[in-house]
Amino acid sequence: MQKDYITERLKFLTELFKLCWLSVLGVGGASISILVGPFDVLRYAWAGGGLMLTLFLLTVLWHTHRKMHQLWAELQRGEIR
């Protein structure tokens, strides 16, 4: 890969990483706050959906973090394909 491509890809992945963290905090916090209150099946369904989305976003974060480290190592080695 070309050096310019790698640097731009790293910038994009960094922004995606930030967005995913904000989404995890927002969706996770909202899901937890929905659970506060009297028992209601619909409330627990929404909270469960939110927690599933939070798990998905955490998976995206993990994958993005690994890809960022991979690209950074490639950039440091000077590997250009």
PDB file of N, CA and C in Angstrom:
ATOM      1  N   MET A   1       0.833  -1.182   0.000  1.00  0.00           N
ATOM      2  CA  MET A   1       0.000   0.000   0.000  1.00  0.00           C
ATOM      3  C   MET A   1       0.873   1.240   0.000  1.00  0.00           C
ATOM      4  N   GLN A   2       0.354   2.275  -0.558  1.00  0.00           N
ATOM      5  CA  GLN A   2       1.107   3.516  -0.592  1.00  0.00           C
ATOM      6  C   GLN A   2       1.012   4.214   0.755  1.00  0.00           C
ATOM      7  N   LYS A   3       2.052   4.993   1.033  1.00  0.00           N
ATOM      8  CA  LYS A   3       2.133   5.672   2.321  1.00  0.00           C
ATOM      9  C   LYS A   3       0.957   6.634   2.529  1.00  0.00           C
ATOM     10  N   ASP A   4       0.581   7.363   1.488  1.00  0.00           N
ATOM     11  CA  ASP A   4      -0.534   8.302   1.616  1.00  0.00           C
ATOM     12  C   ASP A   4      -1.847   7.576   1.916  1.00  0.00           C
ATOM     13  N   TYR A   5      -2.029   6.460   1.275  1.00  0.00           N
ATOM     14  CA  TYR A   5      -3.246   5.681   1.507  1.00  0.00           C
ATOM     15  C   TYR A   5      -3.311   5.200   2.955  1.00  0.00           C
ATOM     16  N   ILE A   6      -2.185   4.733   3.459  1.00  0.00           N
ATOM     17  CA  ILE A   6      -2.154   4.218   4.830  1.00  0.00           C
ATOM     18  C   ILE A   6      -2.444   5.332   5.826  1.00  0.00           C
ATOM     19  N   THR A   7      -1.857   6.496   5.634  1.00  0.00           N
ATOM     20  CA  THR A   7      -2.098   7.599   6.568  1.00  0.00           C
ATOM     21  C   THR A   7      -3.552   8.057   6.524  1.00  0.00           C
ATOM     22  N   GLU A   8      -4.142   8.133   5.337  1.00  0.00           N
ATOM     23  CA  GLU A   8      -5.549   8.530   5.238  1.00  0.00           C
ATOM     24  C   GLU A   8      -6.456   7.465   5.844  1.00  0.00           C
ATOM     25  N   ARG A   9      -6.110   6.210   5.641  1.00  0.00           N
ATOM     26  CA  ARG A   9      -6.894   5.125   6.221  1.00  0.00           C
ATOM     27  C   ARG A   9      -6.830   5.174   7.746  1.00  0.00           C
ATOM     28  N   LEU A  10      -5.647   5.476   8.293  1.00  0.00           N
ATOM     29  CA  LEU A  10      -5.501   5.613   9.742  1.00  0.00           C
ATOM     30  C   LEU A  10      -6.338   6.769  10.278  1.00  0.00           C
ATOM     31  N   LYS A  11      -6.372   7.878   9.548  1.00  0.00           N
ATOM     32  CA  LYS A  11      -7.195   9.015   9.971  1.00  0.00           C
ATOM     33  C   LYS A  11      -8.675   8.629   9.988  1.00  0.00           C
ATOM     34  N   PHE A  12      -9.113   7.925   8.963  1.00  0.00           N
ATOM     35  CA  PHE A  12     -10.502   7.483   8.890  1.00  0.00           C
ATOM     36  C   PHE A  12     -10.834   6.534  10.035  1.00  0.00           C
ATOM     37  N   LEU A  13      -9.961   5.559  10.275  1.00  0.00           N
ATOM     38  CA  LEU A  13     -10.206   4.594  11.341  1.00  0.00           C
ATOM     39  C   LEU A  13     -10.194   5.250  12.715  1.00  0.00           C
ATOM     40  N   THR A  14      -9.375   6.273  12.889  1.00  0.00           N
ATOM     41  CA  THR A  14      -9.359   7.009  14.151  1.00  0.00           C
ATOM     42  C   THR A  14     -10.697   7.695  14.397  1.00  0.00           C
ATOM     43  N   GLU A  15     -11.242   8.321  13.369  1.00  0.00           N
ATOM     44  CA  GLU A  15     -12.541   8.975  13.501  1.00  0.00           C
ATOM     45  C   GLU A  15     -13.649   7.958  13.743  1.00  0.00           C
ATOM     46  N   LEU A  16     -13.583   6.816  13.079  1.00  0.00           N
ATOM     47  CA  LEU A  16     -14.552   5.754  13.305  1.00  0.00           C
ATOM     48  C   LEU A  16     -14.463   5.239  14.735  1.00  0.00           C
ATOM     49  N   PHE A  17     -13.255   5.115  15.239  1.00  0.00           N
ATOM     50  CA  PHE A  17     -13.022   4.670  16.608  1.00  0.00           C
ATOM     51  C   PHE A  17     -13.668   5.636  17.600  1.00  0.00           C
ATOM     52  N   LYS A  18     -13.470   6.932  17.390  1.00  0.00           N
ATOM     53  CA  LYS A  18     -14.076   7.939  18.266  1.00  0.00           C
ATOM     54  C   LYS A  18     -15.597   7.870  18.216  1.00  0.00           C
ATOM     55  N   LEU A  19     -16.142   7.754  17.019  1.00  0.00           N
ATOM     56  CA  LEU A  19     -17.596   7.689  16.857  1.00  0.00           C
ATOM     57  C   LEU A  19     -18.177   6.449  17.535  1.00  0.00           C
ATOM     58  N   CYS A  20     -17.500   5.330  17.406  1.00  0.00           N
ATOM     59  CA  CYS A  20     -17.979   4.102  18.043  1.00  0.00           C
ATOM     60  C   CYS A  20     -17.939   4.219  19.564  1.00  0.00           C
ATOM     61  N   TRP A  21     -16.899   4.841  20.115  1.00  0.00           N
ATOM     62  CA  TRP A  21     -16.838   5.009  21.563  1.00  0.00           C
ATOM     63  C   TRP A  21     -17.978   5.890  22.050  1.00  0.00           C
ATOM     64  N   LEU A  22     -18.235   6.971  21.342  1.00  0.00           N
ATOM     65  CA  LEU A  22     -19.353   7.831  21.732  1.00  0.00           C
ATOM     66  C   LEU A  22     -20.674   7.087  21.640  1.00  0.00           C
ATOM     67  N   SER A  23     -20.827   6.275  20.615  1.00  0.00           N
ATOM     68  CA  SER A  23     -22.051   5.496  20.455  1.00  0.00           C
ATOM     69  C   SER A  23     -22.204   4.456  21.556  1.00  0.00           C
ATOM     70  N   VAL A  24     -21.098   3.807  21.932  1.00  0.00           N
ATOM     71  CA  VAL A  24     -21.143   2.820  23.010  1.00  0.00           C
ATOM     72  C   VAL A  24     -21.584   3.497  24.305  1.00  0.00           C
ATOM     73  N   LEU A  25     -21.004   4.649  24.591  1.00  0.00           N
ATOM     74  CA  LEU A  25     -21.371   5.352  25.819  1.00  0.00           C
ATOM     75  C   LEU A  25     -22.825   5.802  25.791  1.00  0.00           C
ATOM     76  N   GLY A  26     -23.272   6.332  24.658  1.00  0.00           N
ATOM     77  CA  GLY A  26     -24.643   6.813  24.547  1.00  0.00           C
ATOM     78  C   GLY A  26     -25.668   5.700  24.593  1.00  0.00           C
ATOM     79  N   VAL A  27     -25.476   4.694  23.757  1.00  0.00           N
ATOM     80  CA  VAL A  27     -26.448   3.588  23.687  1.00  0.00           C
ATOM     81  C   VAL A  27     -26.403   2.751  24.967  1.00  0.00           C
ATOM     82  N   GLY A  28     -25.208   2.484  25.464  1.00  0.00           N
ATOM     83  CA  GLY A  28     -25.084   1.700  26.693  1.00  0.00           C
ATOM     84  C   GLY A  28     -25.697   2.414  27.885  1.00  0.00           C
ATOM     85  N   GLY A  29     -25.423   3.710  28.003  1.00  0.00           N
ATOM     86  CA  GLY A  29     -26.004   4.483  29.097  1.00  0.00           C
ATOM     87  C   GLY A  29     -27.514   4.569  29.008  1.00  0.00           C
ATOM     88  N   ALA A  30     -28.020   4.761  27.812  1.00  0.00           N
ATOM     89  CA  ALA A  30     -29.469   4.826  27.627  1.00  0.00           C
ATOM     90  C   ALA A  30     -30.120   3.483  27.931  1.00  0.00           C
ATOM     91  N   SER A  31     -29.478   2.404  27.527  1.00  0.00           N
ATOM     92  CA  SER A  31     -30.039   1.071  27.788  1.00  0.00           C
ATOM     93  C   SER A  31     -30.096   0.783  29.285  1.00  0.00           C
ATOM     94  N   ILE A  32     -29.068   1.165  29.986  1.00  0.00           N
ATOM     95  CA  ILE A  32     -29.049   0.956  31.429  1.00  0.00           C
ATOM     96  C   ILE A  32     -30.099   1.834  32.101  1.00  0.00           C
ATOM     97  N   SER A  33     -30.243   3.072  31.639  1.00  0.00           N
ATOM     98  CA  SER A  33     -31.210   3.974  32.267  1.00  0.00           C
ATOM     99  C   SER A  33     -32.652   3.547  31.988  1.00  0.00           C
ATOM    100  N   ILE A  34     -32.885   2.861  30.882  1.00  0.00           N
ATOM    101  CA  ILE A  34     -34.235   2.360  30.592  1.00  0.00           C
ATOM    102  C   ILE A  34     -34.652   1.323  31.635  1.00  0.00           C
ATOM    103  N   LEU A  35     -33.679   0.576  32.151  1.00  0.00           N
ATOM    104  CA  LEU A  35     -33.986  -0.476  33.119  1.00  0.00           C
ATOM    105  C   LEU A  35     -34.419   0.076  34.474  1.00  0.00           C
ATOM    106  N   VAL A  36     -34.126   1.352  34.743  1.00  0.00           N
ATOM    107  CA  VAL A  36     -34.521   1.953  36.019  1.00  0.00           C
ATOM    108  C   VAL A  36     -36.009   2.287  35.944  1.00  0.00           C
ATOM    109  N   GLY A  37     -36.765   1.685  36.792  1.00  0.00           N
ATOM    110  CA  GLY A  37     -38.200   1.927  36.794  1.00  0.00           C
ATOM    111  C   GLY A  37     -38.964   0.641  37.003  1.00  0.00           C
ATOM    112  N   PRO A  38     -40.272   0.730  36.948  1.00  0.00           N
ATOM    113  CA  PRO A  38     -41.085  -0.470  37.184  1.00  0.00           C
ATOM    114  C   PRO A  38     -40.923  -1.488  36.047  1.00  0.00           C
ATOM    115  N   PHE A  39     -41.221  -2.746  36.362  1.00  0.00           N
ATOM    116  CA  PHE A  39     -41.088  -3.818  35.374  1.00  0.00           C
ATOM    117  C   PHE A  39     -42.097  -3.618  34.241  1.00  0.00           C
ATOM    118  N   ASP A  40     -41.573  -3.716  33.011  1.00  0.00           N
ATOM    119  CA  ASP A  40     -42.410  -3.652  31.816  1.00  0.00           C
ATOM    120  C   ASP A  40     -41.687  -4.446  30.733  1.00  0.00           C
ATOM    121  N   VAL A  41     -42.414  -5.332  30.086  1.00  0.00           N
ATOM    122  CA  VAL A  41     -41.799  -6.197  29.074  1.00  0.00           C
ATOM    123  C   VAL A  41     -41.217  -5.366  27.935  1.00  0.00           C
ATOM    124  N   LEU A  42     -41.933  -4.359  27.484  1.00  0.00           N
ATOM    125  CA  LEU A  42     -41.453  -3.515  26.397  1.00  0.00           C
ATOM    126  C   LEU A  42     -40.175  -2.775  26.791  1.00  0.00           C
ATOM    127  N   ARG A  43     -40.116  -2.320  28.017  1.00  0.00           N
ATOM    128  CA  ARG A  43     -38.929  -1.624  28.520  1.00  0.00           C
ATOM    129  C   ARG A  43     -37.716  -2.542  28.489  1.00  0.00           C
ATOM    130  N   TYR A  44     -37.901  -3.776  28.925  1.00  0.00           N
ATOM    131  CA  TYR A  44     -36.793  -4.732  28.926  1.00  0.00           C
ATOM    132  C   TYR A  44     -36.406  -5.153  27.507  1.00  0.00           C
ATOM    133  N   ALA A  45     -37.364  -5.181  26.609  1.00  0.00           N
ATOM    134  CA  ALA A  45     -37.058  -5.499  25.210  1.00  0.00           C
ATOM    135  C   ALA A  45     -36.187  -4.400  24.590  1.00  0.00           C
ATOM    136  N   TRP A  46     -36.549  -3.128  24.833  1.00  0.00           N
ATOM    137  CA  TRP A  46     -35.745  -2.019  24.321  1.00  0.00           C
ATOM    138  C   TRP A  46     -34.343  -2.021  24.930  1.00  0.00           C
ATOM    139  N   ALA A  47     -34.270  -2.274  26.223  1.00  0.00           N
ATOM    140  CA  ALA A  47     -32.967  -2.315  26.893  1.00  0.00           C
ATOM    141  C   ALA A  47     -32.119  -3.464  26.353  1.00  0.00           C
ATOM    142  N   GLY A  48     -32.733  -4.619  26.116  1.00  0.00           N
ATOM    143  CA  GLY A  48     -31.999  -5.756  25.547  1.00  0.00           C
ATOM    144  C   GLY A  48     -31.483  -5.460  24.150  1.00  0.00           C
ATOM    145  N   GLY A  49     -32.317  -4.797  23.347  1.00  0.00           N
ATOM    146  CA  GLY A  49     -31.867  -4.405  22.003  1.00  0.00           C
ATOM    147  C   GLY A  49     -30.709  -3.424  22.062  1.00  0.00           C
ATOM    148  N   GLY A  50     -30.791  -2.503  22.998  1.00  0.00           N
ATOM    149  CA  GLY A  50     -29.703  -1.535  23.168  1.00  0.00           C
ATOM    150  C   GLY A  50     -28.416  -2.188  23.622  1.00  0.00           C
ATOM    151  N   LEU A  51     -28.537  -3.153  24.510  1.00  0.00           N
ATOM    152  CA  LEU A  51     -27.343  -3.855  24.979  1.00  0.00           C
ATOM    153  C   LEU A  51     -26.736  -4.716  23.871  1.00  0.00           C
ATOM    154  N   MET A  52     -27.577  -5.286  23.017  1.00  0.00           N
ATOM    155  CA  MET A  52     -27.061  -6.048  21.869  1.00  0.00           C
ATOM    156  C   MET A  52     -26.319  -5.118  20.897  1.00  0.00           C
ATOM    157  N   LEU A  53     -26.888  -3.940  20.669  1.00  0.00           N
ATOM    158  CA  LEU A  53     -26.226  -2.958  19.816  1.00  0.00           C
ATOM    159  C   LEU A  53     -24.896  -2.519  20.431  1.00  0.00           C
ATOM    160  N   THR A  54     -24.870  -2.372  21.739  1.00  0.00           N
ATOM    161  CA  THR A  54     -23.629  -2.012  22.428  1.00  0.00           C
ATOM    162  C   THR A  54     -22.573  -3.094  22.233  1.00  0.00           C
ATOM    163  N   LEU A  55     -22.969  -4.353  22.331  1.00  0.00           N
ATOM    164  CA  LEU A  55     -22.021  -5.454  22.098  1.00  0.00           C
ATOM    165  C   LEU A  55     -21.503  -5.445  20.663  1.00  0.00           C
ATOM    166  N   PHE A  56     -22.389  -5.157  19.712  1.00  0.00           N
ATOM    167  CA  PHE A  56     -21.958  -5.066  18.320  1.00  0.00           C
ATOM    168  C   PHE A  56     -20.955  -3.928  18.134  1.00  0.00           C
ATOM    169  N   LEU A  57     -21.232  -2.780  18.737  1.00  0.00           N
ATOM    170  CA  LEU A  57     -20.321  -1.636  18.622  1.00  0.00           C
ATOM    171  C   LEU A  57     -18.978  -1.930  19.280  1.00  0.00           C
ATOM    172  N   LEU A  58     -18.991  -2.671  20.380  1.00  0.00           N
ATOM    173  CA  LEU A  58     -17.728  -3.062  21.006  1.00  0.00           C
ATOM    174  C   LEU A  58     -16.922  -3.991  20.101  1.00  0.00           C
ATOM    175  N   THR A  59     -17.609  -4.845  19.364  1.00  0.00           N
ATOM    176  CA  THR A  59     -16.929  -5.716  18.398  1.00  0.00           C
ATOM    177  C   THR A  59     -16.307  -4.884  17.277  1.00  0.00           C
ATOM    178  N   VAL A  60     -17.034  -3.881  16.804  1.00  0.00           N
ATOM    179  CA  VAL A  60     -16.499  -2.990  15.774  1.00  0.00           C
ATOM    180  C   VAL A  60     -15.284  -2.234  16.318  1.00  0.00           C
ATOM    181  N   LEU A  61     -15.351  -1.805  17.571  1.00  0.00           N
ATOM    182  CA  LEU A  61     -14.213  -1.128  18.196  1.00  0.00           C
ATOM    183  C   LEU A  61     -12.990  -2.036  18.250  1.00  0.00           C
ATOM    184  N   TRP A  62     -13.197  -3.269  18.660  1.00  0.00           N
ATOM    185  CA  TRP A  62     -12.087  -4.212  18.755  1.00  0.00           C
ATOM    186  C   TRP A  62     -11.443  -4.437  17.387  1.00  0.00           C
ATOM    187  N   HIS A  63     -12.282  -4.620  16.363  1.00  0.00           N
ATOM    188  CA  HIS A  63     -11.764  -4.846  15.012  1.00  0.00           C
ATOM    189  C   HIS A  63     -11.030  -3.605  14.490  1.00  0.00           C
ATOM    190  N   THR A  64     -11.594  -2.438  14.732  1.00  0.00           N
ATOM    191  CA  THR A  64     -10.979  -1.194  14.279  1.00  0.00           C
ATOM    192  C   THR A  64      -9.634  -0.981  14.966  1.00  0.00           C
ATOM    193  N   HIS A  65      -9.583  -1.261  16.253  1.00  0.00           N
ATOM    194  CA  HIS A  65      -8.338  -1.104  17.004  1.00  0.00           C
ATOM    195  C   HIS A  65      -7.245  -2.015  16.456  1.00  0.00           C
ATOM    196  N   ARG A  66      -7.603  -3.263  16.171  1.00  0.00           N
ATOM    197  CA  ARG A  66      -6.632  -4.200  15.602  1.00  0.00           C
ATOM    198  C   ARG A  66      -6.144  -3.734  14.230  1.00  0.00           C
ATOM    199  N   LYS A  67      -7.065  -3.245  13.394  1.00  0.00           N
ATOM    200  CA  LYS A  67      -6.696  -2.785  12.055  1.00  0.00           C
ATOM    201  C   LYS A  67      -5.794  -1.553  12.138  1.00  0.00           C
ATOM    202  N   MET A  68      -6.086  -0.659  13.092  1.00  0.00           N
ATOM    203  CA  MET A  68      -5.247   0.527  13.257  1.00  0.00           C
ATOM    204  C   MET A  68      -3.824   0.144  13.646  1.00  0.00           C
ATOM    205  N   HIS A  69      -3.681  -0.818  14.563  1.00  0.00           N
ATOM    206  CA  HIS A  69      -2.351  -1.272  14.962  1.00  0.00           C
ATOM    207  C   HIS A  69      -1.629  -1.940  13.797  1.00  0.00           C
ATOM    208  N   GLN A  70      -2.365  -2.686  13.010  1.00  0.00           N
ATOM    209  CA  GLN A  70      -1.784  -3.355  11.851  1.00  0.00           C
ATOM    210  C   GLN A  70      -1.255  -2.334  10.837  1.00  0.00           C
ATOM    211  N   LEU A  71      -2.064  -1.324  10.541  1.00  0.00           N
ATOM    212  CA  LEU A  71      -1.635  -0.293   9.596  1.00  0.00           C
ATOM    213  C   LEU A  71      -0.480   0.526  10.144  1.00  0.00           C
ATOM    214  N   TRP A  72      -0.513   0.812  11.445  1.00  0.00           N
ATOM    215  CA  TRP A  72       0.564   1.585  12.054  1.00  0.00           C
ATOM    216  C   TRP A  72       1.888   0.818  11.978  1.00  0.00           C
ATOM    217  N   ALA A  73       1.844  -0.479  12.251  1.00  0.00           N
ATOM    218  CA  ALA A  73       3.052  -1.300  12.154  1.00  0.00           C
ATOM    219  C   ALA A  73       3.558  -1.352  10.719  1.00  0.00           C
ATOM    220  N   GLU A  74       2.642  -1.449   9.782  1.00  0.00           N
ATOM    221  CA  GLU A  74       3.021  -1.467   8.370  1.00  0.00           C
ATOM    222  C   GLU A  74       3.666  -0.144   7.959  1.00  0.00           C
ATOM    223  N   LEU A  75       3.137   0.944   8.459  1.00  0.00           N
ATOM    224  CA  LEU A  75       3.690   2.267   8.167  1.00  0.00           C
ATOM    225  C   LEU A  75       5.075   2.417   8.784  1.00  0.00           C
ATOM    226  N   GLN A  76       5.253   1.908   9.983  1.00  0.00           N
ATOM    227  CA  GLN A  76       6.553   1.989  10.671  1.00  0.00           C
ATOM    228  C   GLN A  76       7.620   1.144   9.968  1.00  0.00           C
ATOM    229  N   ARG A  77       7.201  -0.005   9.463  1.00  0.00           N
ATOM    230  CA  ARG A  77       8.159  -0.862   8.743  1.00  0.00           C
ATOM    231  C   ARG A  77       8.503  -0.304   7.368  1.00  0.00           C
ATOM    232  N   GLY A  78       7.664   0.557   6.873  1.00  0.00           N
ATOM    233  CA  GLY A  78       7.904   1.094   5.537  1.00  0.00           C
ATOM    234  C   GLY A  78       7.492   0.147   4.447  1.00  0.00           C
ATOM    235  N   GLU A  79       6.601  -0.776   4.791  1.00  0.00           N
ATOM    236  CA  GLU A  79       6.123  -1.773   3.840  1.00  0.00           C
ATOM    237  C   GLU A  79       5.150  -1.114   2.862  1.00  0.00           C
ATOM    238  N   ILE A  80       5.494  -1.126   1.611  1.00  0.00           N
ATOM    239  CA  ILE A  80       4.589  -0.586   0.591  1.00  0.00           C
ATOM    240  C   ILE A  80       4.356  -1.672  -0.417  1.00  0.00           C
ATOM    241  N   ARG A  81       3.090  -2.050  -0.568  1.00  0.00           N
ATOM    242  CA  ARG A  81       2.737  -3.112  -1.514  1.00  0.00           C
ATOM    243  C   ARG A  81       2.305  -2.524  -2.815  1.00  0.00           C
TER     244      ARG A  81
END
